[in-house]
Amino acid sequence: MEIQLQYQERATRKNGNERGNLIGEIKIMVPKSLTKEEKEIFEKLDKISKFNPRKT
C-alpha cells in the first residue's frame, strides 16, 4: 500500500518569500506469510500490549 501526503505551503521557502508544498510518501509493507515463530511472537505481543491504534 502506498500513500502520498501533501501539505500546502509547508516546505522551505523558495524565492525569498514563497513556500512550496511538502510532499511525503508512506509505504506499508505486509509480509505475505509468517513463520510459526513470527506468528507466536505477534500473538504474544497482542496479549501483552496496551496499544490500541483506534484510540488516540
C-alpha atoms as a PDB file:
ATOM      1  CA  MET A   1       0.000   0.000   0.000  1.00  0.00           C
ATOM      2  CA  GLU A   2       1.337   3.411  -0.918  1.00  0.00           C
ATOM      3  CA  ILE A   3       0.012   6.735   0.364  1.00  0.00           C
ATOM      4  CA  GLN A   4       1.140  10.205  -0.656  1.00  0.00           C
ATOM      5  CA  LEU A   5       0.549  13.199   1.614  1.00  0.00           C
ATOM      6  CA  GLN A   6       0.776  16.815   0.534  1.00  0.00           C
ATOM      7  CA  TYR A   7       0.977  19.760   2.915  1.00  0.00           C
ATOM      8  CA  GLN A   8       0.447  23.045   1.143  1.00  0.00           C
ATOM      9  CA  GLU A   9       2.939  25.827   1.878  1.00  0.00           C
ATOM     10  CA  ARG A  10       4.865  23.771   4.487  1.00  0.00           C
ATOM     11  CA  ALA A  11       8.176  23.289   2.677  1.00  0.00           C
ATOM     12  CA  THR A  12      11.196  25.555   2.968  1.00  0.00           C
ATOM     13  CA  ARG A  13      10.974  28.996   1.447  1.00  0.00           C
ATOM     14  CA  LYS A  14      11.891  29.416  -2.191  1.00  0.00           C
ATOM     15  CA  ASN A  15      12.497  32.712  -3.981  1.00  0.00           C
ATOM     16  CA  GLY A  16      12.698  34.507  -0.647  1.00  0.00           C
ATOM     17  CA  ASN A  17       9.027  34.663   0.394  1.00  0.00           C
ATOM     18  CA  GLU A  18       7.049  31.920  -1.277  1.00  0.00           C
ATOM     19  CA  ARG A  19       6.779  28.475   0.317  1.00  0.00           C
ATOM     20  CA  GLY A  20       6.474  25.295  -1.698  1.00  0.00           C
ATOM     21  CA  ASN A  21       4.399  22.233  -0.885  1.00  0.00           C
ATOM     22  CA  LEU A  22       5.829  19.480   1.306  1.00  0.00           C
ATOM     23  CA  ILE A  23       5.148  16.013  -0.110  1.00  0.00           C
ATOM     24  CA  GLY A  24       5.668  12.813   1.862  1.00  0.00           C
ATOM     25  CA  GLU A  25       5.174   9.214   0.893  1.00  0.00           C
ATOM     26  CA  ILE A  26       4.260   6.314   3.176  1.00  0.00           C
ATOM     27  CA  LYS A  27       4.742   2.688   2.133  1.00  0.00           C
ATOM     28  CA  ILE A  28       3.180  -0.059   4.228  1.00  0.00           C
ATOM     29  CA  MET A  29       4.799  -3.435   3.685  1.00  0.00           C
ATOM     30  CA  VAL A  30       2.969  -6.517   4.989  1.00  0.00           C
ATOM     31  CA  PRO A  31       4.521  -9.983   4.717  1.00  0.00           C
ATOM     32  CA  LYS A  32       2.582 -12.495   2.633  1.00  0.00           C
ATOM     33  CA  SER A  33       3.180 -15.255   5.167  1.00  0.00           C
ATOM     34  CA  LEU A  34       4.632 -15.667   8.655  1.00  0.00           C
ATOM     35  CA  THR A  35       6.745 -18.398  10.129  1.00  0.00           C
ATOM     36  CA  LYS A  36       5.348 -20.260  13.132  1.00  0.00           C
ATOM     37  CA  GLU A  37       7.754 -18.386  15.410  1.00  0.00           C
ATOM     38  CA  GLU A  38       6.756 -14.976  13.966  1.00  0.00           C
ATOM     39  CA  LYS A  39       3.076 -15.784  14.432  1.00  0.00           C
ATOM     40  CA  GLU A  40       3.675 -16.792  18.062  1.00  0.00           C
ATOM     41  CA  ILE A  41       5.580 -13.562  18.716  1.00  0.00           C
ATOM     42  CA  PHE A  42       2.773 -11.425  17.256  1.00  0.00           C
ATOM     43  CA  GLU A  43       0.168 -13.309  19.281  1.00  0.00           C
ATOM     44  CA  LYS A  44       2.197 -12.784  22.460  1.00  0.00           C
ATOM     45  CA  LEU A  45       2.582  -9.082  21.686  1.00  0.00           C
ATOM     46  CA  ASP A  46      -1.182  -8.822  21.111  1.00  0.00           C
ATOM     47  CA  LYS A  47      -1.835 -10.256  24.583  1.00  0.00           C
ATOM     48  CA  ILE A  48       0.602  -8.025  26.484  1.00  0.00           C
ATOM     49  CA  SER A  49       0.337  -4.759  24.544  1.00  0.00           C
ATOM     50  CA  LYS A  50      -1.937  -1.962  25.738  1.00  0.00           C
ATOM     51  CA  PHE A  51      -1.602  -0.081  22.439  1.00  0.00           C
ATOM     52  CA  ASN A  52      -4.882   0.433  20.581  1.00  0.00           C
ATOM     53  CA  PRO A  53      -4.465   2.212  17.204  1.00  0.00           C
ATOM     54  CA  ARG A  54      -8.189   3.028  17.122  1.00  0.00           C
ATOM     55  CA  LYS A  55      -7.970   5.096  20.323  1.00  0.00           C
ATOM     56  CA  THR A  56      -5.596   8.027  20.204  1.00  0.00           C
END
